Structures are given as C-alpha cells and as structure tokens.
Amino acid sequence: MLNVGGVELLVSDRDRVRLRLDLIDIDALGPVPNPLHSGEFLEGLDIPGEAGFREWLREQRAVLTRGPRVASAAPVASALPSYIVDTSQPPIGFSGNQAIAVLPFTNVTGEETLDYLAEGISEELIVGLSRIRWLPVIARSSSFSFSEAIDRKLIGQRLGAHYLVEGHLYRAYESFGVSASLSEAATGYAIWSRRFTLQSPELRDELEQFVNELVAQLESRIEHAEQIRIRNKRQDTLGVSDLIWRGRWHLNRLTRTDSEMAQKLFAEALALDPTSPEALIQTTSALAWSIWAGRQPQDQVLRMRKLAQQACLADPDDGRGFMLAGIAEMWLRHQDEAKTLLQQAIVLNPSLTLAHAQLGGCYNLGGEPAKAIDHLKASLRLSSNDPNLFYALGELALSYTMLGRWSEAIEHASLSLARRPAYWYAHVLKINALVRSGNVGVARVAADELLAVKPNFSKQYLDWLPFVERTWIDHFVEGLKMVPGREANWLERDTAEGSEQFLPH
C-alpha cells in the first residue's frame, strides 16, 4: 500500500529494495526524539538467519544514537540517556571481529570438591583460545561474572561476544566426562557440541591434551561459521576483516578458480592495511597453496618466505606466521631451520593442527619417517574437521611407505583420497604400496583412477617434491613403472609448467 496515488515510496531494483526517505517524514530522525516512542529503532524485529539484516539494523541504531547532522549549533539530544549503555554496539576494538566468551563450566558430579576442577577447565580453555590470534577472547574476569540463570543473549550483548562456549563436568562410571557446546549468542543457535572422556582431569598432561583438542575443534567450527557469514554479506560493504574471511572461504575450497579469487581478496585486504598480521598470514597461505599445487619455482618460495617473515614481525605471538616460514624453509630443503620454526609455531599454539602435520611432513622429507608418525597422529587427534586432514593422512601414508609397511600405507592413502579424490600424491603412494606388496591387479586399477582425475600426470609432478634425498623420487617412479598394462614411457609426457593448477579437490 506504499505505492499509491502515483507516488512510488518503495523502489525495487533487481535484488534490492529501498524506501524513498526524502518523501517521508520520519519523526525518529528529528532533532528531538518523540517521548511517546521510547525504546530502540525497530525494537523486537528480527529475521532469523539473516545476519545482514542485523548488521543493517545495528548501523541504523548507531546513526539514531549519534543523532542527525543539523545546521543549528544547538546540541542534538541523544536517542539514549548518557547513563544507558547501548548494548547493540560492539565494545571498542571488537568491530568487525566476532569475539568468543567461555562461561564457567558447571560441575554436575555431585561432589563440591570438584568445583575448582570445572572452573579450571574453563580457565585453561580461555588460555588456549587466546592463542588463536584472529579470534578475540573475552577475559575470565568478565565472562565468569554471570550466573547460569541469566539469558545467553543478554550475556552476549553485555560482553560483546558473538559466540559462547559452555560445558559440564560429570561422572562417567570410573572416569569423568566433559560436555562442551558452542552457540551463537544472539540467536541461541547451537553450532557444535561434543562429549569427551577423561580418565583423571587432575593429570596435567591429560588435561592439556584435552584442552588442545577442544580448542582445535572450536577453531575449526568458528572459522567455518565466519566464512559462511561473510560469504552472505554484500560485496560493497566488505572491510579488511570481511575480505579476509571471504578469501579464507574460497581458499578452503581448494580449486584453481577459488585459489585465484582468494589471492585477489587477500591482496585487496593487504592494500587496505599493509601492516595487518591477518592479511599477511592469509596472503602467505594462499601463495603457499599456489606453490604446492602448481609446483612453482624457487623464486616463488623465496617470496613466500619473505611474506611469512613479515607476518612473524607483525605478530610475534601468532604461530601461523612461524608455521608458514617453516614450510618455506622445508621446501627450500633447509630442514633444521624448518623444524625450528615449526616447533616454535606449536609452542605458540599447541592446537595448531596444520603445524603438527607440517612438522611430520618435514621429518618425512628429511628421511626420518619414524619420527614423523607421532606428529602426524597428533594432527589427526586435534581436529577431525580440519580441511587439511587429507594432507596429514597422505603424509602418514608416506611414512609407512618409507618404512615398508605396505598395508598401513594403503589404508592411509585410501583415507586421504576419501577426503580429496584428486590428491595425486596419495594416488602415487597407494599405487606404490600396492605394486610392491604384490597387489599388481589392484595397482593397475589405482593407476587408472589417478589418470582419471589427472589425465596429464607425468614424472614432472614428482620431480618438484622437496626430498632431501632425491632417491625417494626415483623410488616412486620405479614403483609406478612396475604397474602392468602401461607403456614404458607413460610417465615421460611433457606437461607445460603453469598450464594447470594441480589443486586437490
């Protein structure tokens, strides 16, 4: 009923709808608010699942709170009294960052003497989450000040927290159980929950391992939620943080097109803020994927190392910068430097799943597969949801291949391929293990599967692999040539460098 009498108050333009405010008298925009209309602008109105609407509503309320710009020199009355805190606005420093608050875990064992233990788990979790540099974490003194009866939406508003973590400590027969859940404060929507078993939470080593695993699980879930949130946001409203999150979403898709889009978005973020540690880290990560996937030359690895070093200087407490610097040194075959940097990354963030996997990979490339296995298994234990899980499984297949443990190599190569069917490296490892264990018929089928996903596969793929001892590349080539039913020169085809991005998908 707005467009009547020949006047269009509501204008629809493709996927956008706007209201002609210049033709409407809005008392809320006047210099003196109408006392009959108390409360916030559109108070009580929400569209479930539409984060964009909430962002717009927050912006409009902020405008009304500041008051309109008028020509008169007289002061403009604020929409809210000075003694009322506008909880619709994020705390200073949190704009663009979705903070997380850990509420005190509840002891439901029936033993009051274990209250300290439940609270201790919460404190350790805050410490662990604080090592995730891109995720603001509310301090214990604030998040522990609320009683269990207070509404979670109100807690989120007062703390400026988008995500809440809650949990319980309970008895599970002869051991203990810990339940943890992650929810969105504004909607109460449960994002993730899980139960863990602890033989004795009083054992420091067991508690640290549990907390590291919990942190890794939470990081993975929040990262995914943030990528989806930014993915649905209007392109013309993206700031540095938004550009980075959208780029991370593309990067995790692991295709050539998405990799190129991620690099473009990260470059835009870095141009807006050249000193941003997060922009530097994500730019370096995108370059690393491009190098590995496209088997790019040494000058690109040197460029990656320089970017990673800048990221370390921008934020010396972020383990990811040291991890990326370690990967660059590993690809340059500087094993000692690589191990030192990767170990430093783990010290800074023990829940950094990929750092554990890369350290295992570093031992493999250095010819120490037995030492690699523990680090790779630690990576798998930390997060079963990590998008790079296929890499750790593939490296375990490599470790077992180098040790001549063929059945375990086949098993882990198959698990890797279940997550990334086009991961050519896992195909190569599986074929080698099959043919050397005498399963030549199955090896021939596996070779057909490799060529189905990588029709241009050749020896050039293997030549790039940065093994310290190049005899391992000869070992893989020899194994592939043992596959029956293949012409002798099937690995010798010429693949033009840079003609394809060999990203697993």
Protein backbone atom coordinates (compact mmCIF):
# COMPACT_ATOMS: atom_id res chain seq x y z
CA MET A 1 0.00 0.00 0.00
CA LEU A 2 3.05 2.31 -0.20
CA ASN A 3 2.98 2.93 -3.96
CA VAL A 4 -0.39 4.66 -4.33
CA GLY A 5 -1.53 7.94 -5.77
CA GLY A 6 1.14 7.96 -8.46
CA VAL A 7 3.97 8.27 -5.90
CA GLU A 8 6.46 5.40 -5.54
CA LEU A 9 7.69 5.31 -1.95
CA LEU A 10 9.05 1.76 -2.25
CA VAL A 11 11.52 1.25 -5.11
CA SER A 12 12.51 -2.26 -6.21
CA ASP A 13 15.69 -2.61 -8.27
CA ARG A 14 16.55 -6.24 -9.12
CA ASP A 15 17.74 -7.75 -5.80
CA ARG A 16 17.49 -4.58 -3.73
CA VAL A 17 14.56 -2.72 -2.21
CA ARG A 18 14.82 0.84 -0.89
CA LEU A 19 12.47 3.34 0.71
CA ARG A 20 12.31 6.95 -0.59
CA LEU A 21 13.16 8.61 2.72
CA ASP A 22 13.22 12.02 1.03
CA LEU A 23 9.45 11.74 0.52
CA ILE A 24 8.63 10.55 4.05
CA ASP A 25 8.50 12.48 7.31
CA ILE A 26 10.27 10.31 9.95
CA ASP A 27 9.95 11.59 13.49
CA ALA A 28 12.83 9.36 14.69
CA LEU A 29 15.22 11.46 12.58
CA GLY A 30 14.12 14.74 14.11
CA PRO A 31 16.33 16.81 16.44
CA VAL A 32 14.19 15.93 19.47
CA PRO A 33 13.00 12.35 19.91
CA ASN A 34 9.30 11.87 20.48
CA PRO A 35 8.85 10.84 24.14
CA LEU A 36 5.91 8.68 23.10
CA HIS A 37 8.24 6.46 21.09
CA SER A 38 10.68 5.05 23.62
CA GLY A 39 12.99 2.11 23.00
CA GLU A 40 15.30 1.24 20.13
CA PHE A 41 14.60 1.63 16.43
CA LEU A 42 12.59 -1.43 15.23
CA GLU A 43 12.93 -2.97 18.68
CA GLY A 44 11.82 -6.61 18.77
CA LEU A 45 12.03 -7.05 14.99
CA ASP A 46 14.37 -9.75 13.69
CA ILE A 47 14.69 -12.01 10.66
CA PRO A 48 16.05 -15.41 11.82
CA GLY A 49 19.18 -16.49 9.98
CA GLU A 50 19.65 -13.13 8.25
CA ALA A 51 22.90 -11.75 9.66
CA GLY A 52 22.86 -8.99 7.04
CA PHE A 53 19.61 -7.58 8.43
CA ARG A 54 21.07 -7.49 11.94
CA GLU A 55 24.17 -5.69 10.64
CA TRP A 56 21.96 -3.08 8.91
CA LEU A 57 19.78 -2.66 11.99
CA ARG A 58 22.86 -2.13 14.15
CA GLU A 59 24.13 0.56 11.76
CA GLN A 60 20.77 2.36 11.75
CA ARG A 61 20.55 2.31 15.53
CA ALA A 62 24.05 3.74 15.73
CA VAL A 63 23.04 6.63 13.44
CA LEU A 64 19.99 7.34 15.59
CA THR A 65 22.05 7.15 18.77
CA ARG A 66 24.54 9.71 17.45
CA GLY A 67 21.68 11.94 16.30
CA PRO A 68 21.24 13.64 12.92
CA ARG A 69 23.53 16.27 11.48
CA VAL A 70 21.75 19.64 11.63
CA ALA A 71 22.76 23.13 10.63
CA SER A 72 21.93 24.58 14.03
CA ALA A 73 24.74 24.97 16.53
CA ALA A 74 22.45 23.82 19.30
CA PRO A 75 23.35 20.38 20.76
CA VAL A 76 21.33 17.47 19.45
CA ALA A 77 19.66 15.24 22.01
CA SER A 78 20.92 11.66 22.08
CA ALA A 79 18.46 8.84 21.41
CA LEU A 80 19.59 7.21 24.67
CA PRO A 81 20.32 8.78 28.05
CA SER A 82 24.05 9.00 28.79
CA TYR A 83 23.80 6.58 31.69
CA ILE A 84 22.40 3.78 29.49
CA VAL A 85 24.88 1.59 27.61
CA ASP A 86 23.82 0.78 24.05
CA THR A 87 24.45 -2.98 24.04
CA SER A 88 23.56 -3.23 20.35
CA GLN A 89 27.05 -1.87 19.58
CA PRO A 90 30.23 -3.96 19.93
CA PRO A 91 32.78 -2.89 22.54
CA ILE A 92 35.63 -0.67 21.35
CA GLY A 93 38.16 -2.70 19.38
CA PHE A 94 35.76 -5.54 18.58
CA SER A 95 34.18 -4.00 15.46
CA GLY A 96 34.48 -6.47 12.59
CA ASN A 97 35.68 -9.24 14.89
CA GLN A 98 33.35 -11.91 16.23
CA ALA A 99 34.50 -12.42 19.81
CA ILE A 100 34.04 -15.58 21.89
CA ALA A 101 33.29 -15.89 25.61
CA VAL A 102 33.86 -19.01 27.69
CA LEU A 103 31.32 -19.30 30.50
CA PRO A 104 32.34 -21.20 33.66
CA PHE A 105 31.85 -24.94 33.20
CA THR A 106 29.32 -26.42 35.60
CA ASN A 107 30.20 -29.22 38.00
CA VAL A 108 27.33 -31.75 37.96
CA THR A 109 29.24 -34.62 39.55
CA GLY A 110 27.54 -34.00 42.90
CA GLU A 111 30.94 -33.51 44.52
CA GLU A 112 31.51 -29.89 45.58
CA THR A 113 35.23 -30.55 45.93
CA LEU A 114 35.38 -30.74 42.12
CA ASP A 115 34.05 -27.21 41.59
CA TYR A 116 37.62 -25.96 41.20
CA LEU A 117 38.22 -28.57 38.50
CA ALA A 118 35.25 -27.49 36.36
CA GLU A 119 36.29 -23.86 36.67
CA GLY A 120 39.90 -24.79 35.91
CA ILE A 121 38.85 -26.38 32.61
CA SER A 122 37.17 -23.12 31.62
CA GLU A 123 40.27 -21.12 32.52
CA GLU A 124 42.55 -23.43 30.54
CA LEU A 125 40.20 -23.15 27.59
CA ILE A 126 40.38 -19.33 27.69
CA VAL A 127 44.18 -19.53 27.66
CA GLY A 128 44.11 -21.96 24.74
CA LEU A 129 41.66 -19.90 22.70
CA SER A 130 43.69 -16.75 23.30
CA ARG A 131 46.45 -18.29 21.17
CA ILE A 132 44.14 -18.10 18.14
CA ARG A 133 45.19 -14.61 17.15
CA TRP A 134 42.30 -13.87 14.79
CA LEU A 135 39.67 -14.66 17.43
CA PRO A 136 39.12 -12.11 20.26
CA VAL A 137 38.51 -13.90 23.59
CA ILE A 138 36.66 -12.30 26.50
CA ALA A 139 38.69 -12.26 29.72
CA ARG A 140 37.81 -14.58 32.60
CA SER A 141 37.01 -11.66 34.91
CA SER A 142 34.15 -10.68 32.58
CA SER A 143 32.78 -14.00 31.34
CA PHE A 144 32.77 -15.58 34.83
CA SER A 145 30.70 -12.74 36.32
CA PHE A 146 27.33 -14.04 35.07
CA SER A 147 25.12 -16.55 36.81
CA GLU A 148 23.79 -19.58 34.96
CA ALA A 149 20.24 -18.19 35.10
CA ILE A 150 20.96 -15.06 33.01
CA ASP A 151 19.73 -15.12 29.41
CA ARG A 152 22.52 -16.03 26.98
CA LYS A 153 21.50 -13.33 24.50
CA LEU A 154 21.90 -10.70 27.22
CA ILE A 155 25.31 -12.13 28.17
CA GLY A 156 26.44 -11.89 24.57
CA GLN A 157 25.26 -8.29 24.33
CA ARG A 158 26.93 -7.18 27.54
CA LEU A 159 30.22 -8.91 26.73
CA GLY A 160 30.23 -8.05 23.03
CA ALA A 161 30.55 -11.79 22.30
CA HIS A 162 29.13 -13.36 19.17
CA TYR A 163 29.94 -16.92 20.31
CA LEU A 164 29.50 -18.60 23.69
CA VAL A 165 31.15 -21.78 24.96
CA GLU A 166 29.51 -23.70 27.79
CA GLY A 167 30.17 -27.06 29.37
CA HIS A 168 29.64 -29.54 32.19
CA LEU A 169 31.87 -31.84 34.19
CA TYR A 170 30.16 -35.09 35.12
CA ARG A 171 30.91 -38.61 36.31
CA ALA A 172 31.14 -41.36 33.69
CA TYR A 173 31.46 -44.62 35.63
CA GLU A 174 35.09 -44.82 36.78
CA SER A 175 36.19 -41.80 34.76
CA PHE A 176 34.98 -38.26 34.09
CA GLY A 177 33.09 -36.78 31.19
CA VAL A 178 33.17 -33.25 29.86
CA SER A 179 30.46 -31.92 27.56
CA ALA A 180 31.16 -28.74 25.62
CA SER A 181 28.93 -26.74 23.31
CA LEU A 182 29.33 -23.73 21.03
CA SER A 183 26.38 -21.44 20.32
CA GLU A 184 25.59 -18.12 18.69
CA ALA A 185 24.74 -15.68 21.47
CA ALA A 186 22.23 -13.52 19.61
CA THR A 187 20.08 -16.40 18.36
CA GLY A 188 20.88 -19.23 20.77
CA TYR A 189 21.58 -21.39 17.72
CA ALA A 190 23.71 -24.42 18.67
CA ILE A 191 26.65 -24.63 16.27
CA TRP A 192 28.53 -27.59 17.74
CA SER A 193 28.63 -29.88 20.79
CA ARG A 194 30.71 -32.84 21.84
CA ARG A 195 31.42 -35.12 24.80
CA PHE A 196 34.93 -36.00 25.92
CA THR A 197 36.14 -38.66 28.33
CA LEU A 198 38.93 -38.01 30.84
CA GLN A 199 40.43 -40.72 32.97
CA SER A 200 41.53 -38.15 35.52
CA PRO A 201 41.31 -34.42 34.80
CA GLU A 202 43.73 -33.85 37.66
CA LEU A 203 46.52 -35.28 35.48
CA ARG A 204 48.12 -32.22 33.90
CA ASP A 205 49.23 -33.91 30.66
CA GLU A 206 45.80 -35.38 30.00
CA LEU A 207 44.09 -32.05 30.72
CA GLU A 208 46.43 -30.17 28.35
CA GLN A 209 45.84 -32.70 25.57
CA PHE A 210 42.07 -32.44 26.06
CA VAL A 211 42.11 -28.62 26.04
CA ASN A 212 44.29 -28.50 22.90
CA GLU A 213 41.90 -30.84 21.13
CA LEU A 214 38.88 -28.81 22.25
CA VAL A 215 40.48 -25.55 21.08
CA ALA A 216 41.25 -27.04 17.67
CA GLN A 217 37.66 -28.27 17.30
CA LEU A 218 36.24 -24.88 18.28
CA GLU A 219 38.58 -23.00 15.94
CA SER A 220 37.53 -25.18 13.01
CA ARG A 221 33.82 -24.69 13.71
CA ILE A 222 34.05 -20.93 14.25
CA GLU A 223 36.19 -20.49 11.16
CA HIS A 224 33.57 -22.28 9.08
CA ALA A 225 30.73 -20.23 10.61
CA GLU A 226 32.57 -16.97 9.93
CA GLN A 227 33.27 -17.90 6.33
CA ILE A 228 29.59 -18.59 5.74
CA ARG A 229 28.57 -15.35 7.48
CA ILE A 230 30.86 -13.21 5.34
CA ARG A 231 30.03 -15.18 2.22
CA ASN A 232 26.42 -13.96 2.54
CA LYS A 233 27.39 -10.33 3.10
CA ARG A 234 27.02 -7.70 0.40
CA GLN A 235 30.21 -7.27 -1.64
CA ASP A 236 30.17 -3.47 -1.46
CA THR A 237 30.27 -3.43 2.34
CA LEU A 238 33.39 -5.56 2.83
CA GLY A 239 36.18 -4.22 5.05
CA VAL A 240 39.61 -5.74 5.74
CA SER A 241 38.25 -8.43 8.05
CA ASP A 242 35.40 -9.27 5.67
CA LEU A 243 37.76 -9.56 2.69
CA ILE A 244 39.97 -11.91 4.66
CA TRP A 245 37.11 -14.15 5.73
CA ARG A 246 35.67 -14.34 2.24
CA GLY A 247 39.15 -15.19 0.95
CA ARG A 248 39.52 -17.96 3.53
CA TRP A 249 36.23 -19.44 2.37
CA HIS A 250 37.50 -19.57 -1.21
CA LEU A 251 40.91 -20.91 -0.19
CA ASN A 252 39.38 -23.83 1.69
CA ARG A 253 37.52 -24.94 -1.44
CA LEU A 254 40.89 -25.94 -2.94
CA THR A 255 40.16 -25.34 -6.61
CA ARG A 256 42.16 -23.25 -9.06
CA THR A 257 39.39 -20.67 -9.55
CA ASP A 258 38.81 -20.31 -5.80
CA SER A 259 42.55 -20.11 -5.14
CA GLU A 260 42.86 -17.22 -7.59
CA MET A 261 39.85 -15.47 -6.03
CA ALA A 262 41.31 -15.94 -2.52
CA GLN A 263 44.61 -14.38 -3.60
CA LYS A 264 42.73 -11.41 -5.11
CA LEU A 265 40.69 -10.83 -1.92
CA PHE A 266 43.75 -11.11 0.33
CA ALA A 267 45.63 -8.66 -1.89
CA GLU A 268 42.75 -6.18 -1.52
CA ALA A 269 42.82 -6.59 2.27
CA LEU A 270 46.60 -6.12 2.34
CA ALA A 271 46.30 -2.99 0.18
CA LEU A 272 43.79 -1.53 2.68
CA ASP A 273 46.02 -2.38 5.66
CA PRO A 274 49.62 -3.32 4.71
CA THR A 275 50.56 -3.97 8.35
CA SER A 276 47.66 -6.31 9.17
CA PRO A 277 49.10 -9.57 10.55
CA GLU A 278 45.99 -11.49 9.43
CA ALA A 279 46.19 -10.13 5.88
CA LEU A 280 49.89 -11.04 5.73
CA ILE A 281 49.25 -14.54 7.04
CA GLN A 282 46.38 -15.26 4.68
CA THR A 283 48.25 -13.81 1.68
CA THR A 284 51.16 -16.10 2.51
CA SER A 285 48.85 -19.10 2.96
CA ALA A 286 47.27 -18.53 -0.45
CA LEU A 287 50.70 -18.23 -2.07
CA ALA A 288 51.81 -21.45 -0.32
CA TRP A 289 48.86 -23.38 -1.76
CA SER A 290 49.58 -22.00 -5.20
CA ILE A 291 53.24 -23.03 -4.96
CA TRP A 292 52.49 -26.56 -3.79
CA ALA A 293 49.62 -27.14 -6.17
CA GLY A 294 51.33 -25.69 -9.24
CA ARG A 295 54.84 -26.89 -8.46
CA GLN A 296 56.10 -23.34 -8.78
CA PRO A 297 59.82 -22.45 -8.93
CA GLN A 298 62.15 -21.41 -6.15
CA ASP A 299 61.72 -17.67 -6.62
CA GLN A 300 58.08 -18.02 -5.53
CA VAL A 301 59.15 -19.97 -2.44
CA LEU A 302 61.59 -17.17 -1.60
CA ARG A 303 58.76 -14.68 -1.99
CA MET A 304 56.63 -16.79 0.35
CA ARG A 305 59.42 -16.90 2.92
CA LYS A 306 59.72 -13.09 2.86
CA LEU A 307 55.96 -12.66 3.39
CA ALA A 308 55.98 -15.18 6.24
CA GLN A 309 58.86 -13.34 7.92
CA GLN A 310 56.85 -10.10 7.68
CA ALA A 311 53.90 -11.86 9.30
CA CYS A 312 56.13 -13.04 12.17
CA LEU A 313 57.31 -9.48 12.75
CA ALA A 314 53.76 -8.11 12.57
CA ASP A 315 52.61 -10.50 15.32
CA PRO A 316 55.37 -12.50 17.05
CA ASP A 317 52.76 -14.36 19.12
CA ASP A 318 50.91 -15.89 16.16
CA GLY A 319 52.10 -19.42 15.49
CA ARG A 320 50.80 -19.40 11.92
CA GLY A 321 53.48 -16.97 10.72
CA PHE A 322 56.22 -19.23 12.07
CA MET A 323 54.49 -22.26 10.55
CA LEU A 324 54.43 -20.67 7.09
CA ALA A 325 58.06 -19.60 7.42
CA GLY A 326 58.89 -23.20 8.37
CA ILE A 327 57.06 -24.57 5.33
CA ALA A 328 59.06 -22.25 3.07
CA GLU A 329 62.33 -23.42 4.60
CA MET A 330 61.19 -27.04 4.22
CA TRP A 331 60.52 -26.53 0.51
CA LEU A 332 63.97 -24.93 0.18
CA ARG A 333 65.37 -28.14 1.77
CA HIS A 334 66.62 -26.28 4.86
CA GLN A 335 65.49 -28.97 7.27
CA ASP A 336 67.00 -27.70 10.52
CA GLU A 337 65.58 -24.19 10.06
CA ALA A 338 62.20 -25.64 9.09
CA LYS A 339 61.98 -27.86 12.18
CA THR A 340 62.90 -24.98 14.50
CA LEU A 341 60.24 -22.70 13.05
CA LEU A 342 57.54 -25.38 13.03
CA GLN A 343 58.31 -26.30 16.63
CA GLN A 344 58.09 -22.62 17.59
CA ALA A 345 54.67 -22.45 15.92
CA ILE A 346 53.49 -25.36 18.08
CA VAL A 347 54.87 -23.73 21.23
CA LEU A 348 52.89 -20.58 20.46
CA ASN A 349 49.73 -22.51 19.60
CA PRO A 350 49.69 -26.20 20.63
CA SER A 351 46.29 -26.65 18.95
CA LEU A 352 47.58 -25.51 15.52
CA THR A 353 46.67 -28.68 13.65
CA LEU A 354 48.47 -27.94 10.39
CA ALA A 355 51.74 -27.12 12.19
CA HIS A 356 51.84 -30.63 13.66
CA ALA A 357 51.13 -32.12 10.22
CA GLN A 358 53.80 -30.00 8.54
CA LEU A 359 56.38 -30.96 11.15
CA GLY A 360 55.61 -34.60 10.39
CA GLY A 361 55.96 -33.84 6.69
CA CYS A 362 59.31 -32.17 7.36
CA TYR A 363 60.61 -35.35 9.03
CA ASN A 364 59.40 -37.37 6.05
CA LEU A 365 61.21 -35.17 3.55
CA GLY A 366 64.33 -35.40 5.67
CA GLY A 367 64.24 -39.20 5.59
CA GLU A 368 63.05 -39.72 9.19
CA PRO A 369 59.59 -41.28 8.76
CA ALA A 370 59.54 -42.96 12.20
CA LYS A 371 59.80 -39.52 13.85
CA ALA A 372 57.06 -38.14 11.61
CA ILE A 373 54.33 -40.54 12.72
CA ASP A 374 53.72 -39.14 16.22
CA HIS A 375 53.39 -35.58 14.92
CA LEU A 376 51.01 -36.64 12.16
CA LYS A 377 48.85 -38.62 14.58
CA ALA A 378 48.76 -35.59 16.89
CA SER A 379 47.42 -33.57 13.97
CA LEU A 380 44.66 -36.11 13.35
CA ARG A 381 43.70 -36.21 17.02
CA LEU A 382 43.50 -32.44 17.36
CA SER A 383 40.83 -31.91 14.75
CA SER A 384 38.79 -34.39 12.76
CA ASN A 385 37.16 -31.46 10.92
CA ASP A 386 40.22 -29.68 9.59
CA PRO A 387 40.01 -29.11 5.81
CA ASN A 388 43.67 -30.12 5.52
CA LEU A 389 43.09 -33.52 7.09
CA PHE A 390 43.78 -35.23 3.75
CA TYR A 391 47.35 -33.87 3.90
CA ALA A 392 48.11 -35.44 7.29
CA LEU A 393 46.64 -38.78 6.14
CA GLY A 394 48.71 -38.61 2.97
CA GLU A 395 51.88 -37.92 4.95
CA LEU A 396 51.14 -40.89 7.19
CA ALA A 397 50.84 -42.99 4.03
CA LEU A 398 54.26 -41.64 3.02
CA SER A 399 55.76 -42.51 6.42
CA TYR A 400 54.53 -46.09 6.19
CA THR A 401 55.69 -46.33 2.56
CA MET A 402 59.20 -45.24 3.53
CA LEU A 403 59.16 -47.82 6.35
CA GLY A 404 57.92 -50.58 4.02
CA ARG A 405 54.67 -51.04 5.97
CA TRP A 406 52.55 -51.52 2.88
CA SER A 407 49.13 -52.32 4.34
CA GLU A 408 49.20 -49.24 6.58
CA ALA A 409 50.39 -47.13 3.65
CA ILE A 410 47.48 -48.34 1.51
CA GLU A 411 44.99 -47.74 4.32
CA HIS A 412 46.04 -44.14 4.96
CA ALA A 413 46.38 -43.27 1.28
CA SER A 414 42.81 -44.52 0.78
CA LEU A 415 41.59 -42.43 3.73
CA SER A 416 43.31 -39.38 2.26
CA LEU A 417 41.67 -39.96 -1.13
CA ALA A 418 38.27 -40.35 0.51
CA ARG A 419 38.60 -36.70 1.55
CA ARG A 420 40.33 -35.39 -1.60
CA PRO A 421 39.79 -37.79 -4.54
CA ALA A 422 42.09 -35.78 -6.83
CA TYR A 423 45.07 -35.65 -4.44
CA TRP A 424 47.61 -37.09 -6.88
CA TYR A 425 50.30 -37.62 -4.22
CA ALA A 426 48.06 -40.02 -2.27
CA HIS A 427 47.31 -41.87 -5.53
CA VAL A 428 51.04 -42.29 -6.16
CA LEU A 429 51.66 -43.60 -2.64
CA LYS A 430 48.77 -46.05 -2.88
CA ILE A 431 49.94 -47.39 -6.26
CA ASN A 432 53.49 -47.86 -4.96
CA ALA A 433 52.37 -49.68 -1.84
CA LEU A 434 50.03 -51.93 -3.84
CA VAL A 435 52.52 -52.92 -6.50
CA ARG A 436 55.36 -53.51 -4.03
CA SER A 437 53.12 -55.65 -1.84
CA GLY A 438 52.25 -57.85 -4.83
CA ASN A 439 48.73 -56.50 -5.49
CA VAL A 440 49.51 -55.66 -9.11
CA GLY A 441 45.93 -56.07 -10.34
CA VAL A 442 44.62 -53.58 -7.78
CA ALA A 443 47.59 -51.33 -8.52
CA ARG A 444 46.54 -51.19 -12.19
CA VAL A 445 43.04 -50.09 -11.17
CA ALA A 446 44.58 -47.48 -8.86
CA ALA A 447 46.71 -46.17 -11.75
CA ASP A 448 43.57 -45.84 -13.88
CA GLU A 449 41.98 -43.82 -11.06
CA LEU A 450 45.00 -41.50 -10.93
CA LEU A 451 44.81 -40.80 -14.68
CA ALA A 452 41.05 -40.31 -14.47
CA VAL A 453 41.48 -37.35 -12.11
CA LYS A 454 44.84 -36.16 -13.50
CA PRO A 455 44.95 -37.00 -17.24
CA ASN A 456 48.18 -35.01 -17.68
CA PHE A 457 50.03 -36.72 -14.84
CA SER A 458 53.72 -37.17 -15.50
CA LYS A 459 57.07 -37.55 -13.77
CA GLN A 460 57.25 -33.74 -13.55
CA TYR A 461 54.79 -33.89 -10.67
CA LEU A 462 57.24 -35.96 -8.66
CA ASP A 463 60.37 -34.03 -9.65
CA TRP A 464 59.21 -31.00 -7.68
CA LEU A 465 58.87 -32.84 -4.36
CA PRO A 466 61.50 -31.35 -1.98
CA PHE A 467 63.02 -34.57 -0.60
CA VAL A 468 66.50 -34.11 0.84
CA GLU A 469 67.45 -37.48 -0.66
CA ARG A 470 66.29 -37.44 -4.29
CA THR A 471 66.46 -41.25 -4.43
CA TRP A 472 62.93 -41.33 -3.00
CA ILE A 473 61.60 -39.75 -6.18
CA ASP A 474 63.36 -42.48 -8.19
CA HIS A 475 61.74 -45.00 -5.85
CA PHE A 476 58.23 -43.70 -6.63
CA VAL A 477 58.90 -43.52 -10.38
CA GLU A 478 60.17 -47.10 -10.33
CA GLY A 479 57.06 -48.25 -8.49
CA LEU A 480 54.76 -46.57 -10.99
CA LYS A 481 56.62 -48.19 -13.89
CA MET A 482 56.00 -51.60 -12.31
CA VAL A 483 52.25 -51.27 -12.89
CA PRO A 484 51.23 -53.82 -15.57
CA GLY A 485 49.42 -52.82 -18.73
CA ARG A 486 51.15 -49.43 -19.05
CA GLU A 487 53.54 -48.41 -21.82
CA ALA A 488 57.08 -47.98 -20.59
CA ASN A 489 57.15 -44.21 -21.18
CA TRP A 490 53.74 -43.34 -19.72
CA LEU A 491 55.37 -41.06 -17.13
CA GLU A 492 57.54 -39.18 -19.63
CA ARG A 493 54.89 -36.95 -21.23
CA ASP A 494 55.71 -33.26 -21.27
CA THR A 495 53.44 -31.17 -19.05
CA ALA A 496 53.79 -27.45 -19.65
CA GLU A 497 54.66 -25.75 -16.38
CA GLY A 498 51.92 -23.44 -15.16
CA SER A 499 49.33 -24.75 -17.61
CA GLU A 500 47.24 -26.15 -14.80
CA GLN A 501 46.87 -25.58 -11.11
CA PHE A 502 47.05 -29.06 -9.64
CA LEU A 503 44.89 -28.32 -6.65
CA PRO A 504 43.34 -31.30 -4.84
CA HIS A 505 39.57 -31.10 -4.63
